[in-house]
Amino acid sequence: QEGKEAIILRSDLDELQATGKSLMPEGLERDLTQQDLADLIAYFQGLSTPPKKFAGNQPQVVRPSSDGLLLLPATAAAIYGRDIAFEETFQNVGMWHGESDLVVWDFELDDDRRYEVLLDYACDNPSAGNHFQLDAQGANLQGQIRGTGGWDRYRKMRVGSLTLRKGKGQLTVRPAGPVQGALVDLRQIKLVPQDEE
C-alpha cells in the first residue's frame, strides 16, 4: 500500500500455504467478450513466450496495398506453439498439431473497411475436418478445413466477411478444438475489400 515494500523472510514464516486461487479477480470472465478474453490470453502468452523464430519468417506490421487489398502472408506472422513451424520451402505455417498453437498478424489500416476473408491453404484429405477460429478486433469467424488432396496442393477457401476498424489491430488464427492429425498448411490470408471485389 502507498508504494511501500515489506519483505518477510521465509525463515520468519510459521506456515506457507497456497490458496489455489488466481490473482485474477473472481468473475472477471463474465464481463469480457469472447474477443476480449482471447486478447487477454494472447497478451499473457506474449508476456511469457516470444514468437518462434524461423529462417524466412519475420513478424511485421502489414498494411493494405493501394487498392485496399490486405495480404497476410505466413512470412509476416508471429507463430506460437510447440510443433507449429514456418516451412521455408513452401512459405507456409505447418506442423500445426496442438490445440494451443496459434498465428498472429499485426496490421494497420487507414480507414474502416469490410473485407471478404480467404484462406490460401493446403490440407491432406486424411487430416481434413478440423475446425479453426479467426479473431480480429472483436470479430470472430469459424470454419472447417476441407481437404485439398495433399499437403502440396493449395486452394483458396472463403471463410466469411468482417469489418476492420482504422488503426492498429491483430488477426489471430487458432484451432477451434482438438486437432486430429494436423490443422492446415497456411500460406496466406487474403482480405479483399468487399466494395472492390
C-alpha atoms as a PDB file:
ATOM      1  CA  GLN A   1       0.000   0.000   0.000  1.00  0.00           C
ATOM      2  CA  GLU A   2       1.185   3.557  -0.782  1.00  0.00           C
ATOM      3  CA  GLY A   3       4.080   2.073  -2.743  1.00  0.00           C
ATOM      4  CA  LYS A   4       5.813   0.794   0.403  1.00  0.00           C
ATOM      5  CA  GLU A   5       7.525  -2.566   0.208  1.00  0.00           C
ATOM      6  CA  ALA A   6       7.672  -5.004   3.128  1.00  0.00           C
ATOM      7  CA  ILE A   7       9.932  -8.047   2.948  1.00  0.00           C
ATOM      8  CA  ILE A   8       9.186 -11.127   5.057  1.00  0.00           C
ATOM      9  CA  LEU A   9      11.822 -13.859   5.072  1.00  0.00           C
ATOM     10  CA  ARG A  10      10.728 -17.455   4.645  1.00  0.00           C
ATOM     11  CA  SER A  11      12.598 -18.292   7.825  1.00  0.00           C
ATOM     12  CA  ASP A  12      10.218 -15.935   9.703  1.00  0.00           C
ATOM     13  CA  LEU A  13       7.098 -17.741   8.465  1.00  0.00           C
ATOM     14  CA  ASP A  14       5.331 -20.348  10.584  1.00  0.00           C
ATOM     15  CA  GLU A  15       3.378 -21.684   7.619  1.00  0.00           C
ATOM     16  CA  LEU A  16       3.154 -21.021   3.865  1.00  0.00           C
ATOM     17  CA  GLN A  17       0.126 -22.401   2.081  1.00  0.00           C
ATOM     18  CA  ALA A  18      -1.216 -21.850  -1.450  1.00  0.00           C
ATOM     19  CA  THR A  19      -4.846 -20.778  -1.689  1.00  0.00           C
ATOM     20  CA  GLY A  20      -5.350 -22.407  -5.077  1.00  0.00           C
ATOM     21  CA  LYS A  21      -6.933 -19.167  -6.289  1.00  0.00           C
ATOM     22  CA  SER A  22      -5.792 -16.992  -9.147  1.00  0.00           C
ATOM     23  CA  LEU A  23      -4.662 -13.401  -8.616  1.00  0.00           C
ATOM     24  CA  MET A  24      -7.127 -12.514 -11.388  1.00  0.00           C
ATOM     25  CA  PRO A  25     -10.323 -11.014  -9.921  1.00  0.00           C
ATOM     26  CA  GLU A  26     -13.028 -13.645  -9.485  1.00  0.00           C
ATOM     27  CA  GLY A  27     -15.754 -13.482 -12.140  1.00  0.00           C
ATOM     28  CA  LEU A  28     -13.693 -11.277 -14.480  1.00  0.00           C
ATOM     29  CA  GLU A  29     -14.550 -13.501 -17.459  1.00  0.00           C
ATOM     30  CA  ARG A  30     -18.273 -12.648 -17.107  1.00  0.00           C
ATOM     31  CA  ASP A  31     -17.556  -9.024 -18.006  1.00  0.00           C
ATOM     32  CA  LEU A  32     -15.356  -9.818 -21.024  1.00  0.00           C
ATOM     33  CA  THR A  33     -16.443 -10.509 -24.572  1.00  0.00           C
ATOM     34  CA  GLN A  34     -15.091 -13.614 -26.293  1.00  0.00           C
ATOM     35  CA  GLN A  35     -12.617 -11.419 -28.202  1.00  0.00           C
ATOM     36  CA  ASP A  36     -11.517  -9.601 -25.028  1.00  0.00           C
ATOM     37  CA  LEU A  37     -10.817 -12.965 -23.376  1.00  0.00           C
ATOM     38  CA  ALA A  38      -8.885 -14.177 -26.451  1.00  0.00           C
ATOM     39  CA  ASP A  39      -6.879 -10.923 -26.433  1.00  0.00           C
ATOM     40  CA  LEU A  40      -6.133 -11.337 -22.720  1.00  0.00           C
ATOM     41  CA  ILE A  41      -4.900 -14.896 -23.245  1.00  0.00           C
ATOM     42  CA  ALA A  42      -2.785 -13.811 -26.221  1.00  0.00           C
ATOM     43  CA  TYR A  43      -1.374 -10.965 -24.113  1.00  0.00           C
ATOM     44  CA  PHE A  44      -0.330 -13.302 -21.292  1.00  0.00           C
ATOM     45  CA  GLN A  45       1.110 -15.777 -23.776  1.00  0.00           C
ATOM     46  CA  GLY A  46       3.078 -12.920 -25.306  1.00  0.00           C
ATOM     47  CA  LEU A  47       4.486 -11.957 -21.907  1.00  0.00           C
ATOM     48  CA  SER A  48       5.831 -15.410 -21.225  1.00  0.00           C
ATOM     49  CA  THR A  49       6.572 -16.690 -24.678  1.00  0.00           C
ATOM     50  CA  PRO A  50       8.078 -14.734 -27.563  1.00  0.00           C
ATOM     51  CA  PRO A  51       7.127 -15.846 -31.076  1.00  0.00           C
ATOM     52  CA  LYS A  52       9.118 -18.710 -32.512  1.00  0.00           C
ATOM     53  CA  LYS A  53      11.969 -17.784 -34.860  1.00  0.00           C
ATOM     54  CA  PHE A  54      12.433 -19.308 -38.304  1.00  0.00           C
ATOM     55  CA  ALA A  55      14.515 -18.526 -41.369  1.00  0.00           C
ATOM     56  CA  GLY A  56      12.305 -16.687 -43.860  1.00  0.00           C
ATOM     57  CA  ASN A  57       9.722 -15.659 -41.236  1.00  0.00           C
ATOM     58  CA  GLN A  58       9.853 -12.088 -39.920  1.00  0.00           C
ATOM     59  CA  PRO A  59       6.797 -10.859 -37.965  1.00  0.00           C
ATOM     60  CA  GLN A  60       5.920  -7.323 -39.009  1.00  0.00           C
ATOM     61  CA  VAL A  61       3.051  -4.852 -39.301  1.00  0.00           C
ATOM     62  CA  VAL A  62       1.152  -5.403 -42.561  1.00  0.00           C
ATOM     63  CA  ARG A  63      -0.595  -2.582 -44.399  1.00  0.00           C
ATOM     64  CA  PRO A  64      -3.049  -2.751 -47.311  1.00  0.00           C
ATOM     65  CA  SER A  65      -1.931  -2.140 -50.873  1.00  0.00           C
ATOM     66  CA  SER A  66      -3.047   0.979 -52.770  1.00  0.00           C
ATOM     67  CA  ASP A  67      -6.177  -0.869 -53.954  1.00  0.00           C
ATOM     68  CA  GLY A  68      -7.131  -1.776 -50.359  1.00  0.00           C
ATOM     69  CA  LEU A  69      -6.145  -5.452 -50.554  1.00  0.00           C
ATOM     70  CA  LEU A  70      -4.743  -6.714 -47.242  1.00  0.00           C
ATOM     71  CA  LEU A  71      -2.456  -9.737 -47.657  1.00  0.00           C
ATOM     72  CA  LEU A  72      -1.302 -11.561 -44.524  1.00  0.00           C
ATOM     73  CA  PRO A  73       1.466 -13.954 -45.603  1.00  0.00           C
ATOM     74  CA  ALA A  74       2.941 -16.654 -43.381  1.00  0.00           C
ATOM     75  CA  THR A  75       6.290 -14.875 -43.781  1.00  0.00           C
ATOM     76  CA  ALA A  76       4.963 -11.907 -41.713  1.00  0.00           C
ATOM     77  CA  ALA A  77       3.135 -13.865 -38.971  1.00  0.00           C
ATOM     78  CA  ALA A  78       4.122 -14.330 -35.332  1.00  0.00           C
ATOM     79  CA  ILE A  79       3.987 -18.082 -34.631  1.00  0.00           C
ATOM     80  CA  TYR A  80       3.295 -19.572 -31.190  1.00  0.00           C
ATOM     81  CA  GLY A  81       3.109 -23.193 -30.061  1.00  0.00           C
ATOM     82  CA  ARG A  82       5.008 -26.440 -29.689  1.00  0.00           C
ATOM     83  CA  ASP A  83       5.341 -28.194 -33.068  1.00  0.00           C
ATOM     84  CA  ILE A  84       3.898 -25.444 -35.276  1.00  0.00           C
ATOM     85  CA  ALA A  85       6.538 -24.100 -37.653  1.00  0.00           C
ATOM     86  CA  PHE A  86       7.211 -21.866 -40.630  1.00  0.00           C
ATOM     87  CA  GLU A  87       8.150 -24.135 -43.533  1.00  0.00           C
ATOM     88  CA  GLU A  88      10.507 -22.074 -45.654  1.00  0.00           C
ATOM     89  CA  THR A  89      10.316 -24.367 -48.699  1.00  0.00           C
ATOM     90  CA  PHE A  90       6.545 -23.861 -49.003  1.00  0.00           C
ATOM     91  CA  GLN A  91       6.371 -20.386 -47.385  1.00  0.00           C
ATOM     92  CA  ASN A  92       3.627 -21.597 -45.066  1.00  0.00           C
ATOM     93  CA  VAL A  93       2.793 -22.258 -41.429  1.00  0.00           C
ATOM     94  CA  GLY A  94       2.623 -26.023 -40.966  1.00  0.00           C
ATOM     95  CA  MET A  95       3.160 -28.753 -38.370  1.00  0.00           C
ATOM     96  CA  TRP A  96       0.038 -27.327 -36.722  1.00  0.00           C
ATOM     97  CA  HIS A  97      -0.724 -30.180 -34.295  1.00  0.00           C
ATOM     98  CA  GLY A  98      -1.640 -28.546 -30.968  1.00  0.00           C
ATOM     99  CA  GLU A  99      -4.890 -27.017 -29.803  1.00  0.00           C
ATOM    100  CA  SER A 100      -2.949 -24.088 -28.304  1.00  0.00           C
ATOM    101  CA  ASP A 101      -0.896 -23.406 -31.475  1.00  0.00           C
ATOM    102  CA  LEU A 102      -1.715 -20.037 -32.992  1.00  0.00           C
ATOM    103  CA  VAL A 103      -0.595 -17.497 -35.572  1.00  0.00           C
ATOM    104  CA  VAL A 104      -0.897 -13.713 -35.142  1.00  0.00           C
ATOM    105  CA  TRP A 105      -0.574 -10.907 -37.691  1.00  0.00           C
ATOM    106  CA  ASP A 106      -0.258  -7.227 -36.782  1.00  0.00           C
ATOM    107  CA  PHE A 107      -1.874  -4.855 -39.261  1.00  0.00           C
ATOM    108  CA  GLU A 108      -2.592  -1.148 -39.614  1.00  0.00           C
ATOM    109  CA  LEU A 109      -5.428   0.402 -41.627  1.00  0.00           C
ATOM    110  CA  ASP A 110      -6.043   3.968 -42.779  1.00  0.00           C
ATOM    111  CA  ASP A 111      -9.836   3.640 -42.607  1.00  0.00           C
ATOM    112  CA  ASP A 112     -12.669   1.309 -41.607  1.00  0.00           C
ATOM    113  CA  ARG A 113     -13.382  -1.323 -44.221  1.00  0.00           C
ATOM    114  CA  ARG A 114     -15.366  -4.514 -44.726  1.00  0.00           C
ATOM    115  CA  TYR A 115     -13.407  -7.481 -46.112  1.00  0.00           C
ATOM    116  CA  GLU A 116     -14.094 -10.877 -47.584  1.00  0.00           C
ATOM    117  CA  VAL A 117     -11.684 -13.339 -45.936  1.00  0.00           C
ATOM    118  CA  LEU A 118      -9.983 -16.089 -47.954  1.00  0.00           C
ATOM    119  CA  LEU A 119      -7.511 -18.734 -46.804  1.00  0.00           C
ATOM    120  CA  ASP A 120      -4.712 -19.844 -49.139  1.00  0.00           C
ATOM    121  CA  TYR A 121      -4.009 -23.290 -47.722  1.00  0.00           C
ATOM    122  CA  ALA A 122      -3.321 -26.980 -48.238  1.00  0.00           C
ATOM    123  CA  CYS A 123      -4.577 -29.983 -46.285  1.00  0.00           C
ATOM    124  CA  ASP A 124      -4.106 -33.685 -46.943  1.00  0.00           C
ATOM    125  CA  ASN A 125      -7.506 -35.386 -47.086  1.00  0.00           C
ATOM    126  CA  PRO A 126      -6.969 -37.666 -44.031  1.00  0.00           C
ATOM    127  CA  SER A 127      -6.393 -34.561 -41.843  1.00  0.00           C
ATOM    128  CA  ALA A 128      -9.428 -32.657 -43.172  1.00  0.00           C
ATOM    129  CA  GLY A 129     -12.337 -31.786 -40.896  1.00  0.00           C
ATOM    130  CA  ASN A 130     -10.576 -29.848 -38.138  1.00  0.00           C
ATOM    131  CA  HIS A 131     -12.199 -26.591 -37.078  1.00  0.00           C
ATOM    132  CA  PHE A 132     -10.451 -23.227 -36.839  1.00  0.00           C
ATOM    133  CA  GLN A 133     -11.230 -19.790 -35.465  1.00  0.00           C
ATOM    134  CA  LEU A 134     -10.184 -16.396 -36.779  1.00  0.00           C
ATOM    135  CA  ASP A 135     -10.359 -13.347 -34.474  1.00  0.00           C
ATOM    136  CA  ALA A 136      -9.773  -9.684 -35.302  1.00  0.00           C
ATOM    137  CA  GLN A 137     -10.863  -6.532 -33.431  1.00  0.00           C
ATOM    138  CA  GLY A 138     -13.835  -8.224 -31.776  1.00  0.00           C
ATOM    139  CA  ALA A 139     -14.965 -10.038 -34.927  1.00  0.00           C
ATOM    140  CA  ASN A 140     -14.929 -13.816 -34.962  1.00  0.00           C
ATOM    141  CA  LEU A 141     -15.155 -16.234 -37.871  1.00  0.00           C
ATOM    142  CA  GLN A 142     -15.096 -20.020 -37.644  1.00  0.00           C
ATOM    143  CA  GLY A 143     -14.750 -22.679 -40.281  1.00  0.00           C
ATOM    144  CA  GLN A 144     -13.840 -26.257 -41.050  1.00  0.00           C
ATOM    145  CA  ILE A 145     -10.765 -27.185 -43.050  1.00  0.00           C
ATOM    146  CA  ARG A 146     -11.559 -29.130 -46.210  1.00  0.00           C
ATOM    147  CA  GLY A 147      -9.080 -31.477 -47.841  1.00  0.00           C
ATOM    148  CA  THR A 148      -7.208 -30.248 -50.906  1.00  0.00           C
ATOM    149  CA  GLY A 149      -5.801 -33.628 -51.989  1.00  0.00           C
ATOM    150  CA  GLY A 150      -2.333 -33.212 -50.476  1.00  0.00           C
ATOM    151  CA  TRP A 151      -0.062 -31.003 -48.396  1.00  0.00           C
ATOM    152  CA  ASP A 152       1.392 -29.533 -51.586  1.00  0.00           C
ATOM    153  CA  ARG A 153      -1.970 -28.754 -53.246  1.00  0.00           C
ATOM    154  CA  TYR A 154      -3.060 -25.250 -52.359  1.00  0.00           C
ATOM    155  CA  ARG A 155      -6.584 -23.915 -52.687  1.00  0.00           C
ATOM    156  CA  LYS A 156      -8.423 -20.764 -51.666  1.00  0.00           C
ATOM    157  CA  MET A 157     -11.394 -21.039 -49.332  1.00  0.00           C
ATOM    158  CA  ARG A 158     -13.846 -18.294 -48.427  1.00  0.00           C
ATOM    159  CA  VAL A 159     -14.295 -18.039 -44.674  1.00  0.00           C
ATOM    160  CA  GLY A 160     -16.740 -15.141 -44.449  1.00  0.00           C
ATOM    161  CA  SER A 161     -16.587 -11.388 -44.092  1.00  0.00           C
ATOM    162  CA  LEU A 162     -15.643  -8.994 -41.316  1.00  0.00           C
ATOM    163  CA  THR A 163     -15.273  -5.283 -40.725  1.00  0.00           C
ATOM    164  CA  LEU A 164     -11.917  -3.979 -39.546  1.00  0.00           C
ATOM    165  CA  ARG A 165     -11.508  -0.569 -37.940  1.00  0.00           C
ATOM    166  CA  LYS A 166      -8.998   2.136 -38.737  1.00  0.00           C
ATOM    167  CA  GLY A 167      -5.714   1.928 -36.840  1.00  0.00           C
ATOM    168  CA  LYS A 168      -3.635  -0.921 -35.481  1.00  0.00           C
ATOM    169  CA  GLY A 169      -5.046  -4.371 -34.923  1.00  0.00           C
ATOM    170  CA  GLN A 170      -4.262  -8.059 -34.757  1.00  0.00           C
ATOM    171  CA  LEU A 171      -5.686 -11.026 -36.595  1.00  0.00           C
ATOM    172  CA  THR A 172      -5.294 -14.422 -34.903  1.00  0.00           C
ATOM    173  CA  VAL A 173      -5.897 -17.907 -36.285  1.00  0.00           C
ATOM    174  CA  ARG A 174      -6.125 -20.879 -33.928  1.00  0.00           C
ATOM    175  CA  PRO A 175      -7.751 -24.306 -33.803  1.00  0.00           C
ATOM    176  CA  ALA A 176     -11.337 -24.306 -32.524  1.00  0.00           C
ATOM    177  CA  GLY A 177     -10.978 -27.517 -30.534  1.00  0.00           C
ATOM    178  CA  PRO A 178      -8.654 -30.533 -30.535  1.00  0.00           C
ATOM    179  CA  VAL A 179      -6.617 -31.147 -33.693  1.00  0.00           C
ATOM    180  CA  GLN A 180      -6.730 -34.561 -35.357  1.00  0.00           C
ATOM    181  CA  GLY A 181      -3.563 -35.030 -37.418  1.00  0.00           C
ATOM    182  CA  ALA A 182      -2.624 -31.501 -38.456  1.00  0.00           C
ATOM    183  CA  LEU A 183      -4.841 -28.447 -38.799  1.00  0.00           C
ATOM    184  CA  VAL A 184      -3.608 -26.907 -42.047  1.00  0.00           C
ATOM    185  CA  ASP A 185      -0.639 -25.673 -44.049  1.00  0.00           C
ATOM    186  CA  LEU A 186      -1.489 -21.966 -44.196  1.00  0.00           C
ATOM    187  CA  ARG A 187       0.324 -19.903 -46.816  1.00  0.00           C
ATOM    188  CA  GLN A 188      -1.633 -16.655 -46.643  1.00  0.00           C
ATOM    189  CA  ILE A 189      -4.834 -14.952 -45.567  1.00  0.00           C
ATOM    190  CA  LYS A 190      -6.221 -12.633 -48.185  1.00  0.00           C
ATOM    191  CA  LEU A 191      -8.627  -9.882 -47.169  1.00  0.00           C
ATOM    192  CA  VAL A 192     -10.436  -8.457 -50.185  1.00  0.00           C
ATOM    193  CA  PRO A 193     -12.338  -5.184 -49.780  1.00  0.00           C
ATOM    194  CA  GLN A 194     -15.972  -6.063 -50.459  1.00  0.00           C
ATOM    195  CA  ASP A 195     -16.652  -2.833 -52.288  1.00  0.00           C
ATOM    196  CA  GLU A 196     -13.775  -3.610 -54.707  1.00  0.00           C
ATOM    197  CA  GLU A 197     -14.110  -7.386 -55.060  1.00  0.00           C
END
